[in-house]
Amino acid sequence: MKDKQTYWKENLRLIGLCLVIWFVVSFGFGLLLVEPLNTIRLGGYKLGFWFAQQGSIYTFVGLVFWYSRKMNQLDKKYNVEES
């Protein structure tokens, strides 16, 4: 029982971290900090615009792969991996 609780606590910590990172990138960089970021250009586009249009999507896809890798490691740690 203790292992299951610890496993889910670690899983929820990973999920929370992913949500915080995604929120900071999509809402923080895409909306709140758009004006300061727009002074920087990336490939000819303003950086604030890029984060609002593309950066949050790339970050989300990267987080999906990172979460998958971390969950595989966590599954092995608690011996609950799929066969």
PDB file of N, CA and C in Angstrom:
ATOM      1  N   MET A   1       0.836  -1.207   0.000  1.00  0.00           N
ATOM      2  CA  MET A   1       0.000   0.000   0.000  1.00  0.00           C
ATOM      3  C   MET A   1       0.876   1.266   0.000  1.00  0.00           C
ATOM      4  N   LYS A   2       1.939   1.256   0.791  1.00  0.00           N
ATOM      5  CA  LYS A   2       2.822   2.418   0.886  1.00  0.00           C
ATOM      6  C   LYS A   2       3.488   2.706  -0.457  1.00  0.00           C
ATOM      7  N   ASP A   3       3.903   1.645  -1.168  1.00  0.00           N
ATOM      8  CA  ASP A   3       4.533   1.838  -2.471  1.00  0.00           C
ATOM      9  C   ASP A   3       3.580   2.475  -3.465  1.00  0.00           C
ATOM     10  N   LYS A   4       2.312   2.087  -3.440  1.00  0.00           N
ATOM     11  CA  LYS A   4       1.326   2.672  -4.353  1.00  0.00           C
ATOM     12  C   LYS A   4       1.138   4.160  -4.078  1.00  0.00           C
ATOM     13  N   GLN A   5       1.090   4.516  -2.810  1.00  0.00           N
ATOM     14  CA  GLN A   5       0.924   5.925  -2.445  1.00  0.00           C
ATOM     15  C   GLN A   5       2.147   6.751  -2.874  1.00  0.00           C
ATOM     16  N   THR A   6       3.323   6.208  -2.668  1.00  0.00           N
ATOM     17  CA  THR A   6       4.545   6.903  -3.061  1.00  0.00           C
ATOM     18  C   THR A   6       4.626   7.029  -4.578  1.00  0.00           C
ATOM     19  N   TYR A   7       4.244   5.957  -5.272  1.00  0.00           N
ATOM     20  CA  TYR A   7       4.228   5.968  -6.739  1.00  0.00           C
ATOM     21  C   TYR A   7       3.313   7.079  -7.257  1.00  0.00           C
ATOM     22  N   TRP A   8       2.097   7.174  -6.710  1.00  0.00           N
ATOM     23  CA  TRP A   8       1.162   8.191  -7.178  1.00  0.00           C
ATOM     24  C   TRP A   8       1.584   9.592  -6.780  1.00  0.00           C
ATOM     25  N   LYS A   9       2.232   9.735  -5.627  1.00  0.00           N
ATOM     26  CA  LYS A   9       2.744  11.059  -5.243  1.00  0.00           C
ATOM     27  C   LYS A   9       3.802  11.533  -6.236  1.00  0.00           C
ATOM     28  N   GLU A  10       4.693  10.625  -6.621  1.00  0.00           N
ATOM     29  CA  GLU A  10       5.715  10.990  -7.604  1.00  0.00           C
ATOM     30  C   GLU A  10       5.091  11.271  -8.962  1.00  0.00           C
ATOM     31  N   ASN A  11       4.077  10.493  -9.331  1.00  0.00           N
ATOM     32  CA  ASN A  11       3.378  10.720 -10.598  1.00  0.00           C
ATOM     33  C   ASN A  11       2.689  12.089 -10.595  1.00  0.00           C
ATOM     34  N   LEU A  12       2.011  12.410  -9.516  1.00  0.00           N
ATOM     35  CA  LEU A  12       1.330  13.710  -9.424  1.00  0.00           C
ATOM     36  C   LEU A  12       2.326  14.868  -9.424  1.00  0.00           C
ATOM     37  N   ARG A  13       3.498  14.647  -8.833  1.00  0.00           N
ATOM     38  CA  ARG A  13       4.541  15.680  -8.856  1.00  0.00           C
ATOM     39  C   ARG A  13       4.994  15.942 -10.291  1.00  0.00           C
ATOM     40  N   LEU A  14       5.166  14.869 -11.085  1.00  0.00           N
ATOM     41  CA  LEU A  14       5.542  15.026 -12.493  1.00  0.00           C
ATOM     42  C   LEU A  14       4.456  15.760 -13.277  1.00  0.00           C
ATOM     43  N   ILE A  15       3.212  15.377 -13.053  1.00  0.00           N
ATOM     44  CA  ILE A  15       2.095  16.031 -13.743  1.00  0.00           C
ATOM     45  C   ILE A  15       2.046  17.513 -13.374  1.00  0.00           C
ATOM     46  N   GLY A  16       2.190  17.815 -12.092  1.00  0.00           N
ATOM     47  CA  GLY A  16       2.178  19.211 -11.646  1.00  0.00           C
ATOM     48  C   GLY A  16       3.301  20.018 -12.273  1.00  0.00           C
ATOM     49  N   LEU A  17       4.486  19.433 -12.340  1.00  0.00           N
ATOM     50  CA  LEU A  17       5.623  20.116 -12.958  1.00  0.00           C
ATOM     51  C   LEU A  17       5.358  20.387 -14.438  1.00  0.00           C
ATOM     52  N   CYS A  18       4.805  19.405 -15.140  1.00  0.00           N
ATOM     53  CA  CYS A  18       4.470  19.596 -16.554  1.00  0.00           C
ATOM     54  C   CYS A  18       3.454  20.719 -16.734  1.00  0.00           C
ATOM     55  N   LEU A  19       2.439  20.743 -15.885  1.00  0.00           N
ATOM     56  CA  LEU A  19       1.409  21.785 -15.989  1.00  0.00           C
ATOM     57  C   LEU A  19       1.972  23.175 -15.695  1.00  0.00           C
ATOM     58  N   VAL A  20       2.854  23.275 -14.724  1.00  0.00           N
ATOM     59  CA  VAL A  20       3.458  24.570 -14.399  1.00  0.00           C
ATOM     60  C   VAL A  20       4.314  25.064 -15.565  1.00  0.00           C
ATOM     61  N   ILE A  21       5.142  24.180 -16.119  1.00  0.00           N
ATOM     62  CA  ILE A  21       5.986  24.573 -17.256  1.00  0.00           C
ATOM     63  C   ILE A  21       5.121  24.998 -18.434  1.00  0.00           C
ATOM     64  N   TRP A  22       4.096  24.224 -18.742  1.00  0.00           N
ATOM     65  CA  TRP A  22       3.239  24.548 -19.875  1.00  0.00           C
ATOM     66  C   TRP A  22       2.497  25.868 -19.637  1.00  0.00           C
ATOM     67  N   PHE A  23       2.049  26.112 -18.406  1.00  0.00           N
ATOM     68  CA  PHE A  23       1.368  27.360 -18.081  1.00  0.00           C
ATOM     69  C   PHE A  23       2.303  28.551 -18.250  1.00  0.00           C
ATOM     70  N   VAL A  24       3.522  28.428 -17.733  1.00  0.00           N
ATOM     71  CA  VAL A  24       4.487  29.532 -17.837  1.00  0.00           C
ATOM     72  C   VAL A  24       4.783  29.853 -19.294  1.00  0.00           C
ATOM     73  N   VAL A  25       4.979  28.818 -20.113  1.00  0.00           N
ATOM     74  CA  VAL A  25       5.308  29.043 -21.522  1.00  0.00           C
ATOM     75  C   VAL A  25       4.106  29.588 -22.289  1.00  0.00           C
ATOM     76  N   SER A  26       2.948  28.958 -22.137  1.00  0.00           N
ATOM     77  CA  SER A  26       1.793  29.380 -22.943  1.00  0.00           C
ATOM     78  C   SER A  26       1.164  30.676 -22.443  1.00  0.00           C
ATOM     79  N   PHE A  27       0.877  30.766 -21.155  1.00  0.00           N
ATOM     80  CA  PHE A  27       0.217  31.957 -20.626  1.00  0.00           C
ATOM     81  C   PHE A  27       1.225  33.054 -20.289  1.00  0.00           C
ATOM     82  N   GLY A  28       2.311  32.659 -19.623  1.00  0.00           N
ATOM     83  CA  GLY A  28       3.298  33.650 -19.217  1.00  0.00           C
ATOM     84  C   GLY A  28       4.021  34.283 -20.390  1.00  0.00           C
ATOM     85  N   PHE A  29       4.649  33.436 -21.229  1.00  0.00           N
ATOM     86  CA  PHE A  29       5.397  33.972 -22.372  1.00  0.00           C
ATOM     87  C   PHE A  29       4.480  34.427 -23.499  1.00  0.00           C
ATOM     88  N   GLY A  30       3.375  33.736 -23.702  1.00  0.00           N
ATOM     89  CA  GLY A  30       2.486  34.057 -24.815  1.00  0.00           C
ATOM     90  C   GLY A  30       1.558  35.235 -24.572  1.00  0.00           C
ATOM     91  N   LEU A  31       1.246  35.528 -23.292  1.00  0.00           N
ATOM     92  CA  LEU A  31       0.307  36.623 -23.002  1.00  0.00           C
ATOM     93  C   LEU A  31       0.888  37.689 -22.065  1.00  0.00           C
ATOM     94  N   LEU A  32       1.375  37.267 -20.921  1.00  0.00           N
ATOM     95  CA  LEU A  32       1.815  38.243 -19.924  1.00  0.00           C
ATOM     96  C   LEU A  32       3.117  38.951 -20.299  1.00  0.00           C
ATOM     97  N   LEU A  33       4.057  38.211 -20.846  1.00  0.00           N
ATOM     98  CA  LEU A  33       5.367  38.790 -21.174  1.00  0.00           C
ATOM     99  C   LEU A  33       5.545  39.032 -22.672  1.00  0.00           C
ATOM    100  N   VAL A  34       4.438  39.123 -23.385  1.00  0.00           N
ATOM    101  CA  VAL A  34       4.523  39.241 -24.841  1.00  0.00           C
ATOM    102  C   VAL A  34       5.229  40.524 -25.279  1.00  0.00           C
ATOM    103  N   GLU A  35       4.983  41.627 -24.638  1.00  0.00           N
ATOM    104  CA  GLU A  35       5.596  42.896 -25.049  1.00  0.00           C
ATOM    105  C   GLU A  35       7.112  42.903 -24.871  1.00  0.00           C
ATOM    106  N   PRO A  36       7.627  42.524 -23.685  1.00  0.00           N
ATOM    107  CA  PRO A  36       9.096  42.480 -23.566  1.00  0.00           C
ATOM    108  C   PRO A  36       9.736  41.460 -24.522  1.00  0.00           C
ATOM    109  N   LEU A  37       9.071  40.339 -24.728  1.00  0.00           N
ATOM    110  CA  LEU A  37       9.625  39.319 -25.628  1.00  0.00           C
ATOM    111  C   LEU A  37       9.568  39.748 -27.086  1.00  0.00           C
ATOM    112  N   ASN A  38       8.637  40.614 -27.433  1.00  0.00           N
ATOM    113  CA  ASN A  38       8.517  41.070 -28.820  1.00  0.00           C
ATOM    114  C   ASN A  38       9.697  41.939 -29.260  1.00  0.00           C
ATOM    115  N   THR A  39      10.516  42.371 -28.322  1.00  0.00           N
ATOM    116  CA  THR A  39      11.708  43.142 -28.702  1.00  0.00           C
ATOM    117  C   THR A  39      12.801  42.235 -29.261  1.00  0.00           C
ATOM    118  N   ILE A  40      12.643  40.932 -29.076  1.00  0.00           N
ATOM    119  CA  ILE A  40      13.598  39.938 -29.578  1.00  0.00           C
ATOM    120  C   ILE A  40      12.983  39.271 -30.803  1.00  0.00           C
ATOM    121  N   ARG A  41      13.790  39.052 -31.824  1.00  0.00           N
ATOM    122  CA  ARG A  41      13.290  38.401 -33.046  1.00  0.00           C
ATOM    123  C   ARG A  41      13.838  36.986 -33.155  1.00  0.00           C
ATOM    124  N   LEU A  42      13.009  36.073 -33.648  1.00  0.00           N
ATOM    125  CA  LEU A  42      13.384  34.684 -33.867  1.00  0.00           C
ATOM    126  C   LEU A  42      12.934  34.298 -35.265  1.00  0.00           C
ATOM    127  N   GLY A  43      13.871  34.150 -36.166  1.00  0.00           N
ATOM    128  CA  GLY A  43      13.533  33.803 -37.549  1.00  0.00           C
ATOM    129  C   GLY A  43      12.682  34.861 -38.234  1.00  0.00           C
ATOM    130  N   GLY A  44      12.878  36.110 -37.857  1.00  0.00           N
ATOM    131  CA  GLY A  44      12.123  37.194 -38.468  1.00  0.00           C
ATOM    132  C   GLY A  44      10.819  37.521 -37.748  1.00  0.00           C
ATOM    133  N   TYR A  45      10.422  36.691 -36.789  1.00  0.00           N
ATOM    134  CA  TYR A  45       9.181  36.914 -36.047  1.00  0.00           C
ATOM    135  C   TYR A  45       9.490  37.403 -34.645  1.00  0.00           C
ATOM    136  N   LYS A  46       8.591  38.174 -34.094  1.00  0.00           N
ATOM    137  CA  LYS A  46       8.738  38.627 -32.719  1.00  0.00           C
ATOM    138  C   LYS A  46       8.616  37.420 -31.790  1.00  0.00           C
ATOM    139  N   LEU A  47       9.473  37.362 -30.776  1.00  0.00           N
ATOM    140  CA  LEU A  47       9.532  36.195 -29.904  1.00  0.00           C
ATOM    141  C   LEU A  47       8.232  35.976 -29.131  1.00  0.00           C
ATOM    142  N   GLY A  48       7.583  37.028 -28.687  1.00  0.00           N
ATOM    143  CA  GLY A  48       6.298  36.897 -27.986  1.00  0.00           C
ATOM    144  C   GLY A  48       5.241  36.279 -28.881  1.00  0.00           C
ATOM    145  N   PHE A  49       5.196  36.718 -30.126  1.00  0.00           N
ATOM    146  CA  PHE A  49       4.262  36.145 -31.103  1.00  0.00           C
ATOM    147  C   PHE A  49       4.600  34.678 -31.340  1.00  0.00           C
ATOM    148  N   TRP A  50       5.901  34.369 -31.461  1.00  0.00           N
ATOM    149  CA  TRP A  50       6.321  32.992 -31.715  1.00  0.00           C
ATOM    150  C   TRP A  50       5.892  32.078 -30.573  1.00  0.00           C
ATOM    151  N   PHE A  51       6.082  32.519 -29.320  1.00  0.00           N
ATOM    152  CA  PHE A  51       5.664  31.693 -28.188  1.00  0.00           C
ATOM    153  C   PHE A  51       4.158  31.488 -28.187  1.00  0.00           C
ATOM    154  N   ALA A  52       3.402  32.519 -28.518  1.00  0.00           N
ATOM    155  CA  ALA A  52       1.951  32.386 -28.527  1.00  0.00           C
ATOM    156  C   ALA A  52       1.479  31.446 -29.631  1.00  0.00           C
ATOM    157  N   GLN A  53       2.152  31.446 -30.774  1.00  0.00           N
ATOM    158  CA  GLN A  53       1.704  30.653 -31.916  1.00  0.00           C
ATOM    159  C   GLN A  53       2.357  29.277 -32.003  1.00  0.00           C
ATOM    160  N   GLN A  54       3.652  29.183 -31.726  1.00  0.00           N
ATOM    161  CA  GLN A  54       4.378  27.937 -31.929  1.00  0.00           C
ATOM    162  C   GLN A  54       5.042  27.402 -30.668  1.00  0.00           C
ATOM    163  N   GLY A  55       5.617  28.261 -29.875  1.00  0.00           N
ATOM    164  CA  GLY A  55       6.419  27.849 -28.728  1.00  0.00           C
ATOM    165  C   GLY A  55       5.661  27.009 -27.722  1.00  0.00           C
ATOM    166  N   SER A  56       4.408  27.381 -27.446  1.00  0.00           N
ATOM    167  CA  SER A  56       3.642  26.607 -26.474  1.00  0.00           C
ATOM    168  C   SER A  56       3.314  25.209 -27.017  1.00  0.00           C
ATOM    169  N   ILE A  57       3.117  25.097 -28.319  1.00  0.00           N
ATOM    170  CA  ILE A  57       2.839  23.790 -28.929  1.00  0.00           C
ATOM    171  C   ILE A  57       4.089  22.917 -28.866  1.00  0.00           C
ATOM    172  N   TYR A  58       5.241  23.464 -29.242  1.00  0.00           N
ATOM    173  CA  TYR A  58       6.491  22.704 -29.179  1.00  0.00           C
ATOM    174  C   TYR A  58       6.798  22.281 -27.741  1.00  0.00           C
ATOM    175  N   THR A  59       6.553  23.181 -26.800  1.00  0.00           N
ATOM    176  CA  THR A  59       6.782  22.857 -25.400  1.00  0.00           C
ATOM    177  C   THR A  59       5.868  21.726 -24.950  1.00  0.00           C
ATOM    178  N   PHE A  60       4.600  21.784 -25.349  1.00  0.00           N
ATOM    179  CA  PHE A  60       3.657  20.728 -24.992  1.00  0.00           C
ATOM    180  C   PHE A  60       4.109  19.375 -25.539  1.00  0.00           C
ATOM    181  N   VAL A  61       4.506  19.323 -26.795  1.00  0.00           N
ATOM    182  CA  VAL A  61       4.956  18.063 -27.399  1.00  0.00           C
ATOM    183  C   VAL A  61       6.216  17.563 -26.684  1.00  0.00           C
ATOM    184  N   GLY A  62       7.143  18.465 -26.385  1.00  0.00           N
ATOM    185  CA  GLY A  62       8.340  18.079 -25.646  1.00  0.00           C
ATOM    186  C   GLY A  62       8.006  17.544 -24.263  1.00  0.00           C
ATOM    187  N   LEU A  63       7.039  18.169 -23.591  1.00  0.00           N
ATOM    188  CA  LEU A  63       6.629  17.705 -22.266  1.00  0.00           C
ATOM    189  C   LEU A  63       5.980  16.326 -22.329  1.00  0.00           C
ATOM    190  N   VAL A  64       5.238  16.036 -23.379  1.00  0.00           N
ATOM    191  CA  VAL A  64       4.619  14.719 -23.528  1.00  0.00           C
ATOM    192  C   VAL A  64       5.696  13.645 -23.596  1.00  0.00           C
ATOM    193  N   PHE A  65       6.728  13.872 -24.415  1.00  0.00           N
ATOM    194  CA  PHE A  65       7.813  12.897 -24.523  1.00  0.00           C
ATOM    195  C   PHE A  65       8.609  12.797 -23.223  1.00  0.00           C
ATOM    196  N   TRP A  66       8.879  13.927 -22.572  1.00  0.00           N
ATOM    197  CA  TRP A  66       9.611  13.926 -21.308  1.00  0.00           C
ATOM    198  C   TRP A  66       8.828  13.178 -20.234  1.00  0.00           C
ATOM    199  N   TYR A  67       7.520  13.446 -20.148  1.00  0.00           N
ATOM    200  CA  TYR A  67       6.674  12.772 -19.160  1.00  0.00           C
ATOM    201  C   TYR A  67       6.639  11.269 -19.416  1.00  0.00           C
ATOM    202  N   SER A  68       6.548  10.882 -20.666  1.00  0.00           N
ATOM    203  CA  SER A  68       6.535   9.459 -21.011  1.00  0.00           C
ATOM    204  C   SER A  68       7.825   8.776 -20.564  1.00  0.00           C
ATOM    205  N   ARG A  69       8.947   9.409 -20.823  1.00  0.00           N
ATOM    206  CA  ARG A  69      10.231   8.836 -20.416  1.00  0.00           C
ATOM    207  C   ARG A  69      10.332   8.737 -18.896  1.00  0.00           C
ATOM    208  N   LYS A  70       9.933   9.798 -18.193  1.00  0.00           N
ATOM    209  CA  LYS A  70       9.995   9.801 -16.732  1.00  0.00           C
ATOM    210  C   LYS A  70       9.041   8.773 -16.130  1.00  0.00           C
ATOM    211  N   MET A  71       7.872   8.583 -16.730  1.00  0.00           N
ATOM    212  CA  MET A  71       6.932   7.590 -16.218  1.00  0.00           C
ATOM    213  C   MET A  71       7.451   6.177 -16.448  1.00  0.00           C
ATOM    214  N   ASN A  72       8.137   5.939 -17.555  1.00  0.00           N
ATOM    215  CA  ASN A  72       8.745   4.629 -17.769  1.00  0.00           C
ATOM    216  C   ASN A  72       9.793   4.347 -16.696  1.00  0.00           C
ATOM    217  N   GLN A  73      10.576   5.363 -16.349  1.00  0.00           N
ATOM    218  CA  GLN A  73      11.564   5.209 -15.281  1.00  0.00           C
ATOM    219  C   GLN A  73      10.888   4.959 -13.940  1.00  0.00           C
ATOM    220  N   LEU A  74       9.800   5.676 -13.683  1.00  0.00           N
ATOM    221  CA  LEU A  74       9.065   5.511 -12.436  1.00  0.00           C
ATOM    222  C   LEU A  74       8.421   4.125 -12.364  1.00  0.00           C
ATOM    223  N   ASP A  75       7.874   3.658 -13.475  1.00  0.00           N
ATOM    224  CA  ASP A  75       7.278   2.318 -13.519  1.00  0.00           C
ATOM    225  C   ASP A  75       8.317   1.248 -13.201  1.00  0.00           C
ATOM    226  N   LYS A  76       9.508   1.393 -13.754  1.00  0.00           N
ATOM    227  CA  LYS A  76      10.576   0.428 -13.466  1.00  0.00           C
ATOM    228  C   LYS A  76      10.997   0.499 -12.002  1.00  0.00           C
ATOM    229  N   LYS A  77      11.063   1.707 -11.467  1.00  0.00           N
ATOM    230  CA  LYS A  77      11.459   1.893 -10.074  1.00  0.00           C
ATOM    231  C   LYS A  77      10.505   1.167  -9.128  1.00  0.00           C
ATOM    232  N   TYR A  78       9.198   1.221  -9.407  1.00  0.00           N
ATOM    233  CA  TYR A  78       8.199   0.603  -8.546  1.00  0.00           C
ATOM    234  C   TYR A  78       7.712  -0.742  -9.074  1.00  0.00           C
ATOM    235  N   ASN A  79       8.387  -1.238 -10.111  1.00  0.00           N
ATOM    236  CA  ASN A  79       8.102  -2.556 -10.675  1.00  0.00           C
ATOM    237  C   ASN A  79       6.637  -2.696 -11.112  1.00  0.00           C
ATOM    238  N   VAL A  80       6.132  -1.690 -11.818  1.00  0.00           N
ATOM    239  CA  VAL A  80       4.768  -1.739 -12.345  1.00  0.00           C
ATOM    240  C   VAL A  80       4.734  -1.538 -13.858  1.00  0.00           C
ATOM    241  N   GLU A  81       5.877  -1.799 -14.512  1.00  0.00           N
ATOM    242  CA  GLU A  81       5.931  -1.573 -15.964  1.00  0.00           C
ATOM    243  C   GLU A  81       5.075  -2.587 -16.700  1.00  0.00           C
ATOM    244  N   GLU A  82       4.628  -2.157 -17.886  1.00  0.00           N
ATOM    245  CA  GLU A  82       3.812  -3.026 -18.722  1.00  0.00           C
ATOM    246  C   GLU A  82       4.696  -4.049 -19.418  1.00  0.00           C
ATOM    247  N   SER A  83       4.119  -5.211 -19.657  1.00  0.00           N
ATOM    248  CA  SER A  83       4.916  -6.244 -20.327  1.00  0.00           C
ATOM    249  C   SER A  83       4.637  -6.292 -21.806  1.00  0.00           C
TER     250      SER A  83
END
